[in-house]
C-alpha atoms as a PDB file:
ATOM      1  CA  MET A   1      34.007  28.093 -49.514  1.00  0.00           C
ATOM      2  CA  GLU A   2      36.866  28.322 -51.997  1.00  0.00           C
ATOM      3  CA  THR A   3      36.426  27.572 -55.675  1.00  0.00           C
ATOM      4  CA  ASN A   4      38.412  24.331 -55.425  1.00  0.00           C
ATOM      5  CA  ASP A   5      36.237  23.155 -52.527  1.00  0.00           C
ATOM      6  CA  MET A   6      33.082  23.993 -54.460  1.00  0.00           C
ATOM      7  CA  LEU A   7      34.336  22.188 -57.547  1.00  0.00           C
ATOM      8  CA  ARG A   8      35.316  19.120 -55.515  1.00  0.00           C
ATOM      9  CA  GLU A   9      31.858  19.046 -53.904  1.00  0.00           C
ATOM     10  CA  GLN A  10      30.210  19.182 -57.331  1.00  0.00           C
ATOM     11  CA  ILE A  11      32.422  16.396 -58.663  1.00  0.00           C
ATOM     12  CA  PHE A  12      31.719  14.306 -55.548  1.00  0.00           C
ATOM     13  CA  GLU A  13      27.992  14.880 -56.104  1.00  0.00           C
ATOM     14  CA  ILE A  14      28.291  13.523 -59.663  1.00  0.00           C
ATOM     15  CA  ILE A  15      30.174  10.487 -58.333  1.00  0.00           C
ATOM     16  CA  LYS A  16      27.511   9.958 -55.647  1.00  0.00           C
ATOM     17  CA  ASN A  17      24.833   9.963 -58.358  1.00  0.00           C
ATOM     18  CA  GLN A  18      26.814   7.584 -60.551  1.00  0.00           C
ATOM     19  CA  LEU A  19      27.163   5.188 -57.602  1.00  0.00           C
ATOM     20  CA  LYS A  20      23.488   5.485 -56.625  1.00  0.00           C
ATOM     21  CA  ASN A  21      22.243   4.973 -60.191  1.00  0.00           C
ATOM     22  CA  ASN A  22      24.942   2.438 -61.107  1.00  0.00           C
ATOM     23  CA  ASP A  23      25.550   4.475 -64.249  1.00  0.00           C
ATOM     24  CA  PRO A  24      28.074   3.760 -65.496  1.00  0.00           C
ATOM     25  CA  PRO A  25      28.475   0.500 -63.560  1.00  0.00           C
ATOM     26  CA  GLU A  26      32.263   0.806 -63.852  1.00  0.00           C
ATOM     27  CA  THR A  27      32.191   3.637 -61.301  1.00  0.00           C
ATOM     28  CA  LYS A  28      30.814   1.293 -58.601  1.00  0.00           C
ATOM     29  CA  ILE A  29      33.131  -1.519 -59.664  1.00  0.00           C
ATOM     30  CA  THR A  30      36.109   0.835 -59.404  1.00  0.00           C
ATOM     31  CA  PHE A  31      34.886   2.295 -56.110  1.00  0.00           C
ATOM     32  CA  ASP A  32      34.599  -1.166 -54.541  1.00  0.00           C
ATOM     33  CA  ARG A  33      37.933  -2.298 -55.988  1.00  0.00           C
ATOM     34  CA  LEU A  34      39.804   0.704 -54.579  1.00  0.00           C
ATOM     35  CA  LEU A  35      38.193   0.341 -51.136  1.00  0.00           C
ATOM     36  CA  LYS A  36      39.170  -3.336 -51.115  1.00  0.00           C
ATOM     37  CA  ALA A  37      42.730  -2.308 -52.047  1.00  0.00           C
ATOM     38  CA  GLY A  38      42.911  -0.251 -48.849  1.00  0.00           C
ATOM     39  CA  TYR A  39      42.043   3.259 -49.972  1.00  0.00           C
ATOM     40  CA  ASN A  40      39.551   5.121 -47.807  1.00  0.00           C
ATOM     41  CA  ASP A  41      36.272   6.578 -49.051  1.00  0.00           C
ATOM     42  CA  PHE A  42      37.675  10.087 -49.579  1.00  0.00           C
ATOM     43  CA  GLN A  43      40.775   8.858 -51.426  1.00  0.00           C
ATOM     44  CA  THR A  44      38.633   6.644 -53.622  1.00  0.00           C
ATOM     45  CA  ARG A  45      36.285   9.487 -54.523  1.00  0.00           C
ATOM     46  CA  GLN A  46      39.263  11.747 -55.256  1.00  0.00           C
ATOM     47  CA  MET A  47      40.745   9.212 -57.677  1.00  0.00           C
ATOM     48  CA  ILE A  48      37.431   8.705 -59.461  1.00  0.00           C
ATOM     49  CA  GLY A  49      37.066  12.477 -59.478  1.00  0.00           C
ATOM     50  CA  GLN A  50      40.346  12.793 -61.374  1.00  0.00           C
ATOM     51  CA  CYS A  51      38.917  10.634 -64.143  1.00  0.00           C
ATOM     52  CA  LEU A  52      35.743  12.682 -64.168  1.00  0.00           C
ATOM     53  CA  SER A  53      37.744  15.931 -64.221  1.00  0.00           C
ATOM     54  CA  VAL A  54      39.499  14.838 -67.408  1.00  0.00           C
ATOM     55  CA  GLU A  55      36.118  14.542 -69.095  1.00  0.00           C
ATOM     56  CA  LEU A  56      34.739  17.775 -67.663  1.00  0.00           C
ATOM     57  CA  PHE A  57      37.833  19.649 -68.799  1.00  0.00           C
ATOM     58  CA  GLU A  58      37.458  18.364 -72.353  1.00  0.00           C
ATOM     59  CA  VAL A  59      33.776  19.317 -72.452  1.00  0.00           C
ATOM     60  CA  ILE A  60      34.073  22.746 -70.825  1.00  0.00           C
ATOM     61  CA  LYS A  61      37.474  23.960 -71.967  1.00  0.00           C
ATOM     62  CA  ASN A  62      37.827  22.303 -75.356  1.00  0.00           C
ATOM     63  CA  GLY A  63      34.173  21.958 -76.392  1.00  0.00           C
ATOM     64  CA  LYS A  64      34.558  18.243 -77.057  1.00  0.00           C
ATOM     65  CA  PRO A  65      31.794  15.724 -76.374  1.00  0.00           C
ATOM     66  CA  TYR A  66      31.873  13.660 -73.179  1.00  0.00           C
ATOM     67  CA  ASN A  67      33.911  10.506 -73.829  1.00  0.00           C
ATOM     68  CA  ASN A  68      32.435   7.705 -71.728  1.00  0.00           C
ATOM     69  CA  ALA A  69      34.824   5.112 -73.182  1.00  0.00           C
ATOM     70  CA  ARG A  70      37.853   7.146 -72.059  1.00  0.00           C
ATOM     71  CA  TYR A  71      36.274   7.723 -68.649  1.00  0.00           C
ATOM     72  CA  ILE A  72      35.805   3.980 -68.166  1.00  0.00           C
ATOM     73  CA  LYS A  73      39.302   3.247 -69.459  1.00  0.00           C
ATOM     74  CA  ASN A  74      40.749   5.701 -66.936  1.00  0.00           C
ATOM     75  CA  LEU A  75      38.633   4.226 -64.122  1.00  0.00           C
ATOM     76  CA  LYS A  76      40.031   0.779 -64.875  1.00  0.00           C
ATOM     77  CA  LYS A  77      43.599   2.105 -64.632  1.00  0.00           C
ATOM     78  CA  LEU A  78      43.148   3.578 -61.135  1.00  0.00           C
ATOM     79  CA  PRO A  79      45.029   4.078 -58.865  1.00  0.00           C
ATOM     80  CA  LYS A  80      47.271   5.159 -61.737  1.00  0.00           C
ATOM     81  CA  GLU A  81      46.451   8.804 -62.473  1.00  0.00           C
ATOM     82  CA  PRO A  82      44.506   9.434 -65.669  1.00  0.00           C
ATOM     83  CA  PHE A  83      46.549  11.052 -68.398  1.00  0.00           C
ATOM     84  CA  ASP A  84      44.337  10.100 -71.342  1.00  0.00           C
END
């Protein structure tokens, strides 16, 4: 398995846990909204994963604390790609 595949699987696992635990609830709201808009399950998880990747990058690469408010803000903007 390539690094990108492994990373995607880990991100998808985080999303799965967020959906299962409804924490934050905005993940499930966004997931349902995107499915209703016609995106399939994989596309929806990829888009949510982009928002999650922004936060992981800031934590791992820049040593900044996880920013839940930004994560939620980016979820609400989907399908527009997160740039914040």
